[in-house]
Amino acid sequence: MRDIERLFSEYSESHMNPTNKMIHNLAVPAIYFSVIGLIWSIPVPDFIAQYGINFAHLLALPVLYYYFLLSGPIGAAMTLLTIACFLIIEQIAQSAVPVWQVSVGVFVVMWILQFIGHAIEGKRPSFFTDIRFLLIGPAWVWGSWLKRLNISY
């Protein structure tokens, strides 16, 4: 069994309840977005900022590399999600509300929803047993969409 299939199988064990799945399909990508927004908000030194990049851009590279190591289609899907997150964050940055405030709000609300989902499921979140599942969650959501589209990962 490939690593991606094993990780998805393990992750799925605590995500069987339809309500929990529905919550995760919303909350997991939103949490991914909020984490990117929080990292994006960390001030960067001028020698980095002069190139129009920030710590979120720099951290996205090894994260996306990890996804591509797991699976090309998952890596491509996560790249699309990451680009969408950056585009939305750029729009928020043009508004009067700081990106970090939006990100904290989204983060807190979505984690509350996730814990409600796990209470309904009756199982602890997967990352309590393996920290990698914090990265696997968003890929798992994409994996379910890829299956629906009949795209193998």
Protein backbone atom coordinates (compact mmCIF):
# COMPACT_ATOMS: atom_id res chain seq x y z
CA MET A 1 0.00 0.00 0.00
CA ARG A 2 1.33 3.42 -0.96
CA ASP A 3 2.01 5.90 1.84
CA ILE A 4 -0.80 8.24 0.72
CA GLU A 5 -3.32 5.38 0.76
CA ARG A 6 -2.17 4.23 4.20
CA LEU A 7 -2.35 7.78 5.61
CA PHE A 8 -5.82 8.37 4.11
CA SER A 9 -6.99 5.02 5.47
CA GLU A 10 -5.76 5.85 8.98
CA TYR A 11 -7.20 9.36 8.79
CA SER A 12 -10.55 8.00 7.63
CA GLU A 13 -10.86 5.79 10.71
CA SER A 14 -11.84 8.83 12.82
CA HIS A 15 -13.89 10.44 10.04
CA MET A 16 -16.68 7.98 9.26
CA ASN A 17 -19.74 9.87 10.47
CA PRO A 18 -21.39 11.84 7.62
CA THR A 19 -21.83 14.96 9.79
CA ASN A 20 -18.20 14.87 10.86
CA LYS A 21 -17.14 14.43 7.22
CA MET A 22 -19.27 17.39 6.18
CA ILE A 23 -17.78 19.54 8.94
CA HIS A 24 -14.27 18.51 7.94
CA ASN A 25 -14.91 19.26 4.27
CA LEU A 26 -15.59 22.86 5.31
CA ALA A 27 -13.33 23.30 8.32
CA VAL A 28 -10.10 21.63 7.18
CA PRO A 29 -9.53 23.81 4.08
CA ALA A 30 -10.57 26.87 6.12
CA ILE A 31 -8.01 26.01 8.80
CA TYR A 32 -5.37 25.54 6.10
CA PHE A 33 -6.29 29.02 4.84
CA SER A 34 -6.14 30.52 8.33
CA VAL A 35 -2.71 29.05 9.06
CA ILE A 36 -1.38 30.47 5.80
CA GLY A 37 -2.91 33.83 6.76
CA LEU A 38 -1.30 33.76 10.20
CA ILE A 39 2.10 32.90 8.76
CA TRP A 40 1.60 35.51 6.02
CA SER A 41 1.07 38.09 8.79
CA ILE A 42 4.47 37.54 10.42
CA PRO A 43 6.64 40.56 9.56
CA VAL A 44 9.56 39.71 7.29
CA PRO A 45 12.95 41.41 7.18
CA ASP A 46 13.40 44.00 4.45
CA PHE A 47 15.88 41.84 2.55
CA ILE A 48 13.08 39.30 2.05
CA ALA A 49 10.18 41.75 1.72
CA GLN A 50 11.91 43.56 -1.16
CA TYR A 51 11.13 40.53 -3.35
CA GLY A 52 7.43 40.62 -2.50
CA ILE A 53 7.53 37.36 -0.58
CA ASN A 54 6.83 36.49 3.02
CA PHE A 55 7.19 33.54 5.36
CA ALA A 56 3.97 31.93 4.06
CA HIS A 57 5.42 31.84 0.55
CA LEU A 58 8.64 30.31 1.87
CA LEU A 59 6.88 27.70 3.99
CA ALA A 60 4.49 26.75 1.18
CA LEU A 61 7.38 25.34 -0.86
CA PRO A 62 8.39 22.47 1.46
CA VAL A 63 4.75 21.78 2.34
CA LEU A 64 3.77 21.46 -1.32
CA TYR A 65 6.89 19.38 -1.96
CA TYR A 66 5.66 16.96 0.75
CA TYR A 67 2.27 16.72 -0.94
CA PHE A 68 3.88 16.02 -4.32
CA LEU A 69 6.01 13.30 -2.72
CA LEU A 70 2.79 11.67 -1.51
CA SER A 71 1.00 11.97 -4.86
CA GLY A 72 1.21 14.12 -7.98
CA PRO A 73 -2.56 14.76 -8.19
CA ILE A 74 -2.74 15.54 -4.46
CA GLY A 75 0.25 17.88 -4.84
CA ALA A 76 -1.45 19.62 -7.76
CA ALA A 77 -4.73 19.93 -5.86
CA MET A 78 -2.97 21.31 -2.78
CA THR A 79 -1.12 23.76 -5.01
CA LEU A 80 -4.49 25.02 -6.30
CA LEU A 81 -5.79 25.34 -2.73
CA THR A 82 -2.65 27.20 -1.68
CA ILE A 83 -2.88 29.61 -4.62
CA ALA A 84 -6.55 30.23 -3.81
CA CYS A 85 -5.61 30.93 -0.19
CA PHE A 86 -2.95 33.43 -1.25
CA LEU A 87 -5.38 35.18 -3.62
CA ILE A 88 -8.01 35.52 -0.89
CA ILE A 89 -5.41 36.70 1.62
CA GLU A 90 -4.21 39.35 -0.83
CA GLN A 91 -7.82 40.60 -1.11
CA ILE A 92 -8.19 40.70 2.66
CA ALA A 93 -4.88 42.59 2.91
CA GLN A 94 -6.43 45.35 0.77
CA SER A 95 -9.30 45.74 3.24
CA ALA A 96 -9.44 47.57 6.56
CA VAL A 97 -9.36 44.34 8.59
CA PRO A 98 -5.89 42.90 9.24
CA VAL A 99 -5.23 39.45 7.78
CA TRP A 100 -4.16 38.08 11.16
CA GLN A 101 -7.51 39.02 12.73
CA VAL A 102 -9.51 37.29 10.00
CA SER A 103 -7.18 34.29 10.24
CA VAL A 104 -7.52 33.99 14.02
CA GLY A 105 -11.32 34.21 13.76
CA VAL A 106 -11.50 31.55 11.06
CA PHE A 107 -9.02 29.34 12.94
CA VAL A 108 -10.95 29.43 16.22
CA VAL A 109 -14.41 28.94 14.70
CA MET A 110 -13.29 26.10 12.44
CA TRP A 111 -11.47 24.25 15.24
CA ILE A 112 -14.58 24.50 17.40
CA LEU A 113 -16.56 22.98 14.52
CA GLN A 114 -13.99 20.22 14.13
CA PHE A 115 -14.16 19.31 17.80
CA ILE A 116 -17.96 19.25 17.56
CA GLY A 117 -17.58 16.89 14.59
CA HIS A 118 -15.29 14.62 16.57
CA ALA A 119 -17.70 14.67 19.52
CA ILE A 120 -20.43 13.50 17.13
CA GLU A 121 -18.03 10.91 15.70
CA GLY A 122 -17.02 9.76 19.16
CA LYS A 123 -13.34 9.62 18.23
CA ARG A 124 -10.36 11.85 18.92
CA PRO A 125 -8.82 13.90 16.12
CA SER A 126 -6.18 11.96 14.21
CA PHE A 127 -3.37 14.41 14.88
CA PHE A 128 -3.40 13.39 18.55
CA THR A 129 -1.77 10.13 17.43
CA ASP A 130 0.37 11.47 14.56
CA ILE A 131 1.15 15.15 13.97
CA ARG A 132 1.43 14.51 10.21
CA PHE A 133 -2.35 14.30 10.10
CA LEU A 134 -2.46 18.09 10.39
CA LEU A 135 -1.09 18.09 6.83
CA ILE A 136 -3.00 15.00 5.73
CA GLY A 137 -6.42 16.50 6.55
CA PRO A 138 -6.50 18.98 3.64
CA ALA A 139 -5.12 16.34 1.27
CA TRP A 140 -7.79 13.87 2.46
CA VAL A 141 -10.51 16.40 1.60
CA TRP A 142 -9.03 16.78 -1.90
CA GLY A 143 -8.65 13.01 -2.18
CA SER A 144 -12.39 12.56 -1.72
CA TRP A 145 -13.04 15.12 -4.48
CA LEU A 146 -10.54 13.47 -6.78
CA LYS A 147 -12.30 10.11 -6.24
CA ARG A 148 -15.66 11.70 -7.12
CA LEU A 149 -14.06 13.04 -10.32
CA ASN A 150 -12.62 9.58 -11.03
CA ILE A 151 -9.05 10.91 -10.80
CA SER A 152 -6.69 8.46 -9.14
CA TYR A 153 -4.13 9.75 -6.71
